[in-house]
Amino acid sequence: MDPLTLTTAYEILRSPLDQVLGRLSAALAPLVPHLGAAELSTHCAHSPFKRTGATDGLTTADLAPLLATGVPGEPWEGTARLGGRPRTVLAVTSDATARRSLLVLVREDGAAPAGPDERALAQGLWNLVTAHLDRFAVEAMPGALARSRTAADTRARVTAELTTAHAAALSGLLSVLRSGSLDDTAARAAATELAATALVEAHATRRQDREIAEEPAGGAFGRLADQLRPMLRHSPVRLELGPPDENRSLPADVAHAARSIVRSLLLIALDQEGLSRVHVGWQLTKDELLAAVRDDGPGALASCELGAGTVRDRLDVLGGRLEIEAVPNWGTTMTAVLPLASPAPQVEAAHPLASLGERETEVLRHLALGHRNRRIAGELHISESTVKFHVANILGKLGVASRGEAAALFHAAA
């Protein structure tokens, strides 16, 4: 690969998360000229749809058909209906993660098609970006998990409210149109068709959003099983799996956290002597997901031996708890109890980084790297006085007295 391409990829991946799409668009612009870019990242529960440049009017519903029909590894160029009119696009689909992601470059009408090298570069960079961003969701680090869960809840609530309002308005309009009170039959028929189509699209958009923000329990457990099998491939310990009896939908953040926690608990169990088997099972109650790891070891594990670590931090963010039942000579059962609904606000803020805004988090990331104010200002394209303002806010919110202590908290959560 060209060293310039590697440098470009590095600069894109090190960008603040809210600037990644813009940096990617700028990197591709000289090779594939375009007016704007949009993405639909189905692994991202809290902000799956993003856009930059001249993309006014684009919606999730516009991109969903391209995502469904796109072939990973084979960029497609042609005409698609976006924002209510036909647009020339280059659509790049990636399966670098468990769930597909789509990048759409909106081009000038009549633009010359991109060459095979340009398409291959766009595909490679999009694969890197999706794999990089997916890591934040898969690892479910406490700070990111808190921000993601809050954003997902807010987005789901707003989407539901807007869909309900639009559906009510359209239903009212349809009732008038169908009543026959209008004299112009042709106009009434056309308006009826438009209103009915809009109503269907509103419900489709909400359904699409739910599919992105949730995972069926069976599929979520299947992904966990695929992650666990390699961990015991060369081990004498036998892995037994107990998938959930129900296939209800789980919030995506709960599914990510549950998989990460179970992986950690399994490593703790495997560190004991005398194991011959370990059972991993999920059970759904009305309000909770019970993710259990049960072994046939010495039954000597105690709660204090698990430590604080990221297991308890993730549970704190979601308002969950860890239950341990150890029976000498019979084994230990460790059960992570995860509420399916969001915890109360004070529980969400249990992890100190959860109180920081997005820009404050980016400033803290630079502090953790040892950067001074001038460099931070240059990297984030803000003034040094703004950096000082953010640093003061960070120290206050985290309850620390120095930049070093703030950096230590960041590293502890990473």
Protein backbone atom coordinates (compact mmCIF):
# COMPACT_ATOMS: atom_id res chain seq x y z
CA MET A 1 0.00 0.00 0.00
CA ASP A 2 1.20 3.52 -0.79
CA PRO A 3 2.76 5.18 2.31
CA LEU A 4 0.57 8.23 1.59
CA THR A 5 -2.51 6.02 1.87
CA LEU A 6 -1.33 4.67 5.21
CA THR A 7 -0.76 8.20 6.47
CA THR A 8 -4.21 9.23 5.26
CA ALA A 9 -5.82 6.27 7.03
CA TYR A 10 -3.93 7.09 10.23
CA GLU A 11 -5.11 10.71 10.17
CA ILE A 12 -8.73 9.63 9.61
CA LEU A 13 -8.74 7.08 12.43
CA ARG A 14 -7.13 9.45 14.96
CA SER A 15 -9.76 12.12 14.30
CA PRO A 16 -12.46 12.87 16.90
CA LEU A 17 -15.38 10.53 16.28
CA ASP A 18 -17.67 13.32 15.10
CA GLN A 19 -15.10 14.33 12.44
CA VAL A 20 -14.26 10.91 10.97
CA LEU A 21 -16.79 11.07 8.12
CA GLY A 22 -15.67 14.58 7.17
CA ARG A 23 -12.00 13.57 7.14
CA LEU A 24 -12.80 10.47 5.09
CA SER A 25 -14.77 12.55 2.60
CA ALA A 26 -11.91 15.05 2.28
CA ALA A 27 -9.39 12.25 1.72
CA LEU A 28 -11.47 10.72 -1.09
CA ALA A 29 -12.46 14.00 -2.76
CA PRO A 30 -9.34 14.37 -4.97
CA LEU A 31 -9.80 10.84 -6.33
CA VAL A 32 -13.60 10.60 -6.36
CA PRO A 33 -14.94 14.18 -6.58
CA HIS A 34 -18.22 14.48 -4.72
CA LEU A 35 -20.55 17.06 -3.22
CA GLY A 36 -21.12 15.33 0.11
CA ALA A 37 -21.03 12.04 1.96
CA ALA A 38 -23.38 10.07 4.20
CA GLU A 39 -23.08 6.87 6.19
CA LEU A 40 -25.41 4.32 7.69
CA SER A 41 -23.50 2.27 10.28
CA THR A 42 -25.80 -0.40 11.67
CA HIS A 43 -23.33 -1.39 14.42
CA CYS A 44 -23.63 2.11 15.91
CA ALA A 45 -26.72 2.14 18.11
CA HIS A 46 -26.65 5.78 19.14
CA SER A 47 -25.78 7.62 15.90
CA PRO A 48 -26.01 5.29 12.89
CA PHE A 49 -26.80 7.98 10.32
CA LYS A 50 -24.31 10.75 9.65
CA ARG A 51 -23.76 13.13 6.76
CA THR A 52 -21.42 15.90 5.65
CA GLY A 53 -21.29 18.37 2.76
CA ALA A 54 -24.17 18.96 0.34
CA THR A 55 -26.46 16.23 1.65
CA ASP A 56 -29.49 18.25 2.77
CA GLY A 57 -32.67 16.21 2.70
CA LEU A 58 -30.97 12.80 2.94
CA THR A 59 -32.54 10.44 5.46
CA THR A 60 -31.99 6.97 6.88
CA ALA A 61 -34.84 5.77 4.68
CA ASP A 62 -32.92 6.94 1.58
CA LEU A 63 -29.84 4.89 2.46
CA ALA A 64 -31.56 1.76 3.77
CA PRO A 65 -32.28 0.28 0.29
CA LEU A 66 -28.65 0.83 -0.76
CA LEU A 67 -27.47 -0.93 2.39
CA ALA A 68 -29.83 -3.85 1.82
CA THR A 69 -28.86 -4.37 -1.82
CA GLY A 70 -25.18 -3.46 -1.67
CA VAL A 71 -22.54 -6.15 -2.06
CA PRO A 72 -19.64 -5.86 0.42
CA GLY A 73 -16.35 -5.38 -1.38
CA GLU A 74 -18.01 -4.31 -4.63
CA PRO A 75 -18.62 -0.52 -4.72
CA TRP A 76 -21.61 0.42 -6.86
CA GLU A 77 -21.99 3.59 -8.90
CA GLY A 78 -25.23 4.75 -10.45
CA THR A 79 -28.39 6.74 -9.78
CA ALA A 80 -30.35 6.51 -6.52
CA ARG A 81 -33.27 8.51 -5.21
CA LEU A 82 -31.96 10.63 -2.34
CA GLY A 83 -33.69 13.56 -0.68
CA GLY A 84 -36.65 13.21 -3.03
CA ARG A 85 -34.79 13.27 -6.35
CA PRO A 86 -32.40 11.12 -8.39
CA ARG A 87 -28.73 11.60 -7.50
CA THR A 88 -25.51 10.15 -8.90
CA VAL A 89 -23.77 8.21 -6.12
CA LEU A 90 -20.91 5.88 -5.33
CA ALA A 91 -22.11 3.42 -2.68
CA VAL A 92 -19.56 1.42 -0.68
CA THR A 93 -20.76 -1.43 1.55
CA SER A 94 -18.57 -3.04 4.19
CA ASP A 95 -18.97 -6.22 6.19
CA ALA A 96 -15.82 -5.60 8.24
CA THR A 97 -18.15 -5.82 11.25
CA ALA A 98 -20.90 -8.27 12.19
CA ARG A 99 -23.50 -5.93 10.71
CA ARG A 100 -23.09 -4.12 7.39
CA SER A 101 -22.22 -0.44 7.06
CA LEU A 102 -22.75 1.86 4.08
CA LEU A 103 -20.82 4.88 2.78
CA VAL A 104 -22.47 6.99 0.06
CA LEU A 105 -20.61 9.67 -1.90
CA VAL A 106 -23.07 12.06 -3.58
CA ARG A 107 -21.55 13.11 -6.92
CA GLU A 108 -22.27 15.73 -9.56
CA ASP A 109 -24.89 14.61 -12.08
CA GLY A 110 -23.06 13.22 -15.09
CA ALA A 111 -19.74 12.81 -13.25
CA ALA A 112 -17.28 10.41 -14.85
CA PRO A 113 -17.35 6.98 -13.16
CA ALA A 114 -14.61 6.28 -10.64
CA GLY A 115 -11.85 3.95 -11.80
CA PRO A 116 -11.14 0.53 -10.27
CA ASP A 117 -8.19 1.86 -8.24
CA GLU A 118 -10.29 4.68 -6.78
CA ARG A 119 -13.10 2.29 -5.93
CA ALA A 120 -10.67 -0.12 -4.27
CA LEU A 121 -9.21 2.71 -2.18
CA ALA A 122 -12.67 3.87 -1.09
CA GLN A 123 -13.54 0.29 -0.12
CA GLY A 124 -10.31 -0.21 1.83
CA LEU A 125 -10.63 3.05 3.77
CA TRP A 126 -14.29 2.37 4.56
CA ASN A 127 -13.44 -1.11 5.83
CA LEU A 128 -10.79 0.40 8.13
CA VAL A 129 -13.14 3.09 9.43
CA THR A 130 -16.02 0.69 10.14
CA ALA A 131 -13.77 -1.82 11.90
CA HIS A 132 -12.22 0.99 13.98
CA LEU A 133 -15.57 2.46 15.03
CA ASP A 134 -17.06 -0.96 15.71
CA ARG A 135 -14.35 -1.60 18.30
CA PHE A 136 -15.82 1.10 20.55
CA ALA A 137 -19.19 -0.64 20.50
CA VAL A 138 -17.86 -4.21 20.81
CA GLU A 139 -15.51 -3.47 23.70
CA ALA A 140 -18.22 -1.46 25.50
CA MET A 141 -15.75 0.61 27.51
CA PRO A 142 -17.49 2.27 30.47
CA GLY A 143 -17.16 5.92 29.40
CA ALA A 144 -18.19 5.25 25.82
CA LEU A 145 -20.97 2.91 26.99
CA ALA A 146 -22.47 5.62 29.22
CA ARG A 147 -22.48 8.22 26.45
CA SER A 148 -23.79 5.72 23.91
CA ARG A 149 -26.65 4.54 26.13
CA THR A 150 -27.73 8.11 26.89
CA ALA A 151 -27.60 9.09 23.21
CA ALA A 152 -29.45 5.96 22.14
CA ASP A 153 -32.24 6.56 24.65
CA THR A 154 -32.62 10.18 23.59
CA ARG A 155 -32.62 9.28 19.91
CA ALA A 156 -35.17 6.50 20.37
CA ARG A 157 -37.48 8.79 22.34
CA VAL A 158 -37.29 11.62 19.80
CA THR A 159 -37.77 9.21 16.87
CA ALA A 160 -40.83 7.68 18.54
CA GLU A 161 -42.32 11.10 19.31
CA LEU A 162 -41.77 12.38 15.77
CA THR A 163 -43.10 9.20 14.19
CA THR A 164 -46.21 9.33 16.35
CA ALA A 165 -46.79 13.00 15.54
CA HIS A 166 -46.29 12.48 11.80
CA ALA A 167 -48.46 9.38 11.78
CA ALA A 168 -51.25 11.22 13.60
CA ALA A 169 -51.11 14.13 11.15
CA LEU A 170 -51.05 11.86 8.10
CA SER A 171 -53.86 9.70 9.45
CA GLY A 172 -55.98 12.81 9.97
CA LEU A 173 -55.23 13.98 6.44
CA LEU A 174 -56.13 10.57 5.02
CA SER A 175 -59.46 10.56 6.84
CA VAL A 176 -60.39 13.87 5.24
CA LEU A 177 -59.23 12.82 1.77
CA ARG A 178 -61.11 9.53 1.90
CA SER A 179 -64.32 11.14 3.05
CA GLY A 180 -65.17 12.33 -0.45
CA SER A 181 -65.73 15.90 0.75
CA LEU A 182 -63.33 17.25 -1.87
CA ASP A 183 -64.75 17.90 -5.31
CA ASP A 184 -61.67 17.23 -7.44
CA THR A 185 -61.48 13.44 -7.66
CA ALA A 186 -58.05 13.37 -9.33
CA ALA A 187 -56.51 15.75 -6.78
CA ARG A 188 -58.04 13.80 -3.93
CA ALA A 189 -56.69 10.51 -5.29
CA ALA A 190 -53.19 11.94 -5.78
CA ALA A 191 -53.13 13.47 -2.29
CA THR A 192 -54.42 10.24 -0.78
CA GLU A 193 -51.62 8.28 -2.43
CA LEU A 194 -48.97 10.77 -1.24
CA ALA A 195 -50.27 10.73 2.33
CA ALA A 196 -50.49 6.93 2.42
CA THR A 197 -46.96 6.60 1.05
CA ALA A 198 -45.63 9.07 3.63
CA LEU A 199 -47.36 7.15 6.42
CA VAL A 200 -45.79 3.88 5.27
CA GLU A 201 -42.35 5.54 5.05
CA ALA A 202 -42.71 6.98 8.57
CA HIS A 203 -43.39 3.54 10.02
CA ALA A 204 -40.59 2.03 7.90
CA THR A 205 -38.12 4.59 9.22
CA ARG A 206 -39.03 3.80 12.80
CA ARG A 207 -38.71 0.07 12.11
CA GLN A 208 -35.29 0.64 10.51
CA ASP A 209 -34.14 2.63 13.54
CA ARG A 210 -35.27 -0.14 15.89
CA GLU A 211 -33.40 -2.74 13.85
CA ILE A 212 -30.22 -0.67 14.23
CA ALA A 213 -30.62 0.12 17.92
CA GLU A 214 -31.60 -3.41 18.97
CA GLU A 215 -30.42 -7.00 18.56
CA PRO A 216 -32.54 -10.17 18.74
CA ALA A 217 -31.44 -12.07 21.85
CA GLY A 218 -30.77 -15.27 19.90
CA GLY A 219 -28.53 -13.55 17.38
CA ALA A 220 -26.72 -11.62 20.12
CA PHE A 221 -25.97 -14.86 21.97
CA GLY A 222 -24.86 -16.47 18.71
CA ARG A 223 -22.27 -13.73 18.24
CA LEU A 224 -21.06 -14.35 21.80
CA ALA A 225 -20.74 -18.08 21.12
CA ASP A 226 -18.61 -17.36 18.06
CA GLN A 227 -16.32 -15.23 20.22
CA LEU A 228 -16.02 -17.82 23.02
CA ARG A 229 -15.25 -20.96 21.02
CA PRO A 230 -11.75 -19.85 19.96
CA MET A 231 -10.92 -19.12 23.61
CA LEU A 232 -11.28 -22.84 24.47
CA ARG A 233 -10.24 -24.35 21.17
CA HIS A 234 -7.03 -25.79 22.59
CA SER A 235 -8.23 -26.16 26.16
CA PRO A 236 -9.23 -29.42 27.91
CA VAL A 237 -12.18 -27.52 29.39
CA ARG A 238 -15.47 -28.24 27.60
CA LEU A 239 -17.64 -25.26 26.71
CA GLU A 240 -21.41 -25.68 27.12
CA LEU A 241 -23.78 -23.04 25.76
CA GLY A 242 -27.27 -22.17 26.94
CA PRO A 243 -28.92 -19.68 24.55
CA PRO A 244 -31.94 -17.69 25.77
CA ASP A 245 -35.34 -19.32 25.44
CA GLU A 246 -36.86 -16.13 24.04
CA ASN A 247 -35.74 -14.15 21.01
CA ARG A 248 -36.92 -10.77 22.23
CA SER A 249 -34.97 -7.71 21.14
CA LEU A 250 -32.25 -6.34 23.40
CA PRO A 251 -30.87 -2.79 23.38
CA ALA A 252 -27.67 -2.99 21.34
CA ASP A 253 -25.59 -1.48 24.15
CA VAL A 254 -26.84 -4.13 26.58
CA ALA A 255 -25.91 -6.87 24.09
CA HIS A 256 -22.43 -5.42 23.57
CA ALA A 257 -21.86 -5.05 27.33
CA ALA A 258 -23.16 -8.56 28.07
CA ARG A 259 -20.78 -10.13 25.56
CA SER A 260 -17.82 -8.17 26.88
CA ILE A 261 -18.63 -8.99 30.51
CA VAL A 262 -19.10 -12.71 29.79
CA ARG A 263 -15.74 -12.86 28.00
CA SER A 264 -14.08 -11.34 31.07
CA LEU A 265 -15.88 -13.68 33.48
CA LEU A 266 -14.93 -16.70 31.39
CA LEU A 267 -11.26 -15.75 31.58
CA ILE A 268 -11.57 -15.50 35.37
CA ALA A 269 -13.18 -18.95 35.52
CA LEU A 270 -10.54 -20.51 33.27
CA ASP A 271 -7.79 -19.23 35.52
CA GLN A 272 -8.78 -21.79 38.17
CA GLU A 273 -7.28 -25.24 38.52
CA GLY A 274 -9.23 -28.45 38.05
CA LEU A 275 -11.91 -27.33 35.61
CA SER A 276 -13.38 -29.82 33.16
CA ARG A 277 -16.33 -27.84 31.88
CA VAL A 278 -17.82 -24.35 31.91
CA HIS A 279 -21.38 -23.39 31.02
CA VAL A 280 -22.32 -19.98 29.58
CA GLY A 281 -26.01 -19.15 29.44
CA TRP A 282 -28.35 -16.21 28.98
CA GLN A 283 -31.81 -15.94 30.46
CA LEU A 284 -34.36 -13.19 29.89
CA THR A 285 -36.83 -12.05 32.50
CA LYS A 286 -39.37 -9.30 32.03
CA ASP A 287 -36.89 -6.55 32.92
CA GLU A 288 -33.41 -8.09 32.99
CA LEU A 289 -30.85 -10.13 31.09
CA LEU A 290 -29.10 -12.72 33.26
CA ALA A 291 -25.72 -13.65 31.75
CA ALA A 292 -24.21 -16.53 33.74
CA VAL A 293 -20.84 -18.31 33.68
CA ARG A 294 -20.89 -21.56 35.68
CA ASP A 295 -17.89 -23.85 36.20
CA ASP A 296 -17.20 -27.15 37.97
CA GLY A 297 -14.03 -25.92 39.64
CA PRO A 298 -13.02 -25.77 43.31
CA GLY A 299 -15.78 -23.30 44.19
CA ALA A 300 -13.40 -20.97 45.94
CA LEU A 301 -13.95 -17.74 44.01
CA ALA A 302 -15.07 -14.79 46.09
CA SER A 303 -16.48 -11.43 45.03
CA CYS A 304 -13.37 -9.57 46.11
CA GLU A 305 -11.23 -11.71 43.83
CA LEU A 306 -12.97 -10.34 40.77
CA GLY A 307 -11.78 -6.84 41.55
CA ALA A 308 -13.33 -3.60 40.34
CA GLY A 309 -11.98 -3.54 36.80
CA THR A 310 -14.09 -2.97 33.76
CA VAL A 311 -16.64 -5.69 34.60
CA ARG A 312 -18.04 -3.77 37.53
CA ASP A 313 -17.57 -0.43 35.74
CA ARG A 314 -19.70 -1.62 32.82
CA LEU A 315 -22.33 -2.96 35.21
CA ASP A 316 -22.37 0.35 37.10
CA VAL A 317 -22.97 2.28 33.87
CA LEU A 318 -25.97 0.11 33.00
CA GLY A 319 -27.29 -0.08 36.56
CA GLY A 320 -26.50 -3.79 36.77
CA ARG A 321 -24.94 -6.03 39.38
CA LEU A 322 -22.78 -9.13 39.69
CA GLU A 323 -23.98 -12.11 41.72
CA ILE A 324 -21.60 -14.91 42.78
CA GLU A 325 -22.51 -18.29 44.19
CA ALA A 326 -19.54 -20.50 45.12
CA VAL A 327 -19.94 -24.01 46.55
CA PRO A 328 -16.68 -25.66 47.70
CA ASN A 329 -15.77 -28.63 45.50
CA TRP A 330 -18.82 -28.07 43.30
CA GLY A 331 -17.99 -24.91 41.37
CA THR A 332 -18.83 -21.23 41.01
CA THR A 333 -21.62 -19.42 39.21
CA MET A 334 -21.03 -15.78 38.26
CA THR A 335 -24.14 -13.98 37.00
CA ALA A 336 -24.15 -10.50 35.48
CA VAL A 337 -27.63 -9.00 35.89
CA LEU A 338 -28.27 -6.31 33.26
CA PRO A 339 -31.46 -4.21 33.28
CA LEU A 340 -33.04 -3.98 29.84
CA ALA A 341 -34.29 -0.45 30.52
CA SER A 342 -32.00 2.49 31.14
CA PRO A 343 -30.97 3.12 34.75
CA ALA A 344 -31.82 6.26 36.63
CA PRO A 345 -29.69 9.27 35.66
CA GLN A 346 -27.62 9.13 38.82
CA VAL A 347 -26.61 5.52 38.04
CA GLU A 348 -25.63 6.47 34.50
CA ALA A 349 -23.30 9.10 35.89
CA ALA A 350 -21.59 6.60 38.19
CA HIS A 351 -18.53 6.52 35.95
CA PRO A 352 -16.81 9.94 36.12
CA LEU A 353 -16.16 10.16 32.37
CA ALA A 354 -19.89 9.90 31.70
CA SER A 355 -20.32 13.51 32.84
CA LEU A 356 -18.10 14.89 30.07
CA GLY A 357 -19.38 16.30 26.81
CA GLU A 358 -18.07 15.10 23.46
CA ARG A 359 -15.60 17.99 23.02
CA GLU A 360 -14.42 17.67 26.63
CA THR A 361 -13.77 13.98 26.03
CA GLU A 362 -11.63 14.81 22.99
CA VAL A 363 -9.64 17.37 24.99
CA LEU A 364 -9.16 14.80 27.77
CA ARG A 365 -7.91 12.26 25.22
CA HIS A 366 -5.17 14.72 24.23
CA LEU A 367 -4.36 15.44 27.87
CA ALA A 368 -3.91 11.70 28.39
CA LEU A 369 -1.39 11.71 25.54
CA GLY A 370 0.61 14.45 27.29
CA HIS A 371 -0.26 17.18 24.79
CA ARG A 372 -0.03 20.83 25.83
CA ASN A 373 -2.71 23.45 25.20
CA ARG A 374 -1.17 24.82 22.00
CA ARG A 375 -1.04 21.41 20.34
CA ILE A 376 -4.56 20.54 21.49
CA ALA A 377 -5.83 23.80 20.01
CA GLY A 378 -4.14 23.02 16.70
CA GLU A 379 -5.40 19.44 16.58
CA LEU A 380 -9.01 20.38 17.37
CA HIS A 381 -8.99 23.70 15.43
CA ILE A 382 -9.98 25.78 18.43
CA SER A 383 -8.28 28.59 20.35
CA GLU A 384 -5.97 28.06 23.32
CA SER A 385 -8.39 29.99 25.53
CA THR A 386 -11.13 27.54 24.56
CA VAL A 387 -8.82 24.67 25.46
CA LYS A 388 -8.18 26.23 28.88
CA PHE A 389 -11.93 26.59 29.37
CA HIS A 390 -12.49 22.91 28.53
CA VAL A 391 -9.63 21.79 30.80
CA ALA A 392 -11.10 23.74 33.72
CA ASN A 393 -14.49 22.14 33.13
CA ILE A 394 -12.92 18.68 32.89
CA LEU A 395 -11.08 19.05 36.20
CA GLY A 396 -14.25 20.30 37.87
CA LYS A 397 -16.50 17.54 36.53
CA LEU A 398 -14.01 14.80 37.36
CA GLY A 399 -13.29 16.22 40.80
CA VAL A 400 -9.51 16.22 40.31
CA ALA A 401 -6.90 18.88 40.91
CA SER A 402 -4.48 18.36 38.03
CA ARG A 403 -4.22 17.38 34.37
CA GLY A 404 -2.25 14.31 35.44
CA GLU A 405 -5.06 13.03 37.64
CA ALA A 406 -7.55 13.59 34.82
CA ALA A 407 -5.29 11.68 32.43
CA ALA A 408 -5.05 8.82 34.93
CA LEU A 409 -8.84 8.51 35.05
CA PHE A 410 -8.96 8.42 31.24
CA HIS A 411 -6.35 5.66 31.08
CA ALA A 412 -8.20 3.68 33.75
CA ALA A 413 -11.34 3.71 31.60
CA ALA A 414 -9.55 2.85 28.35
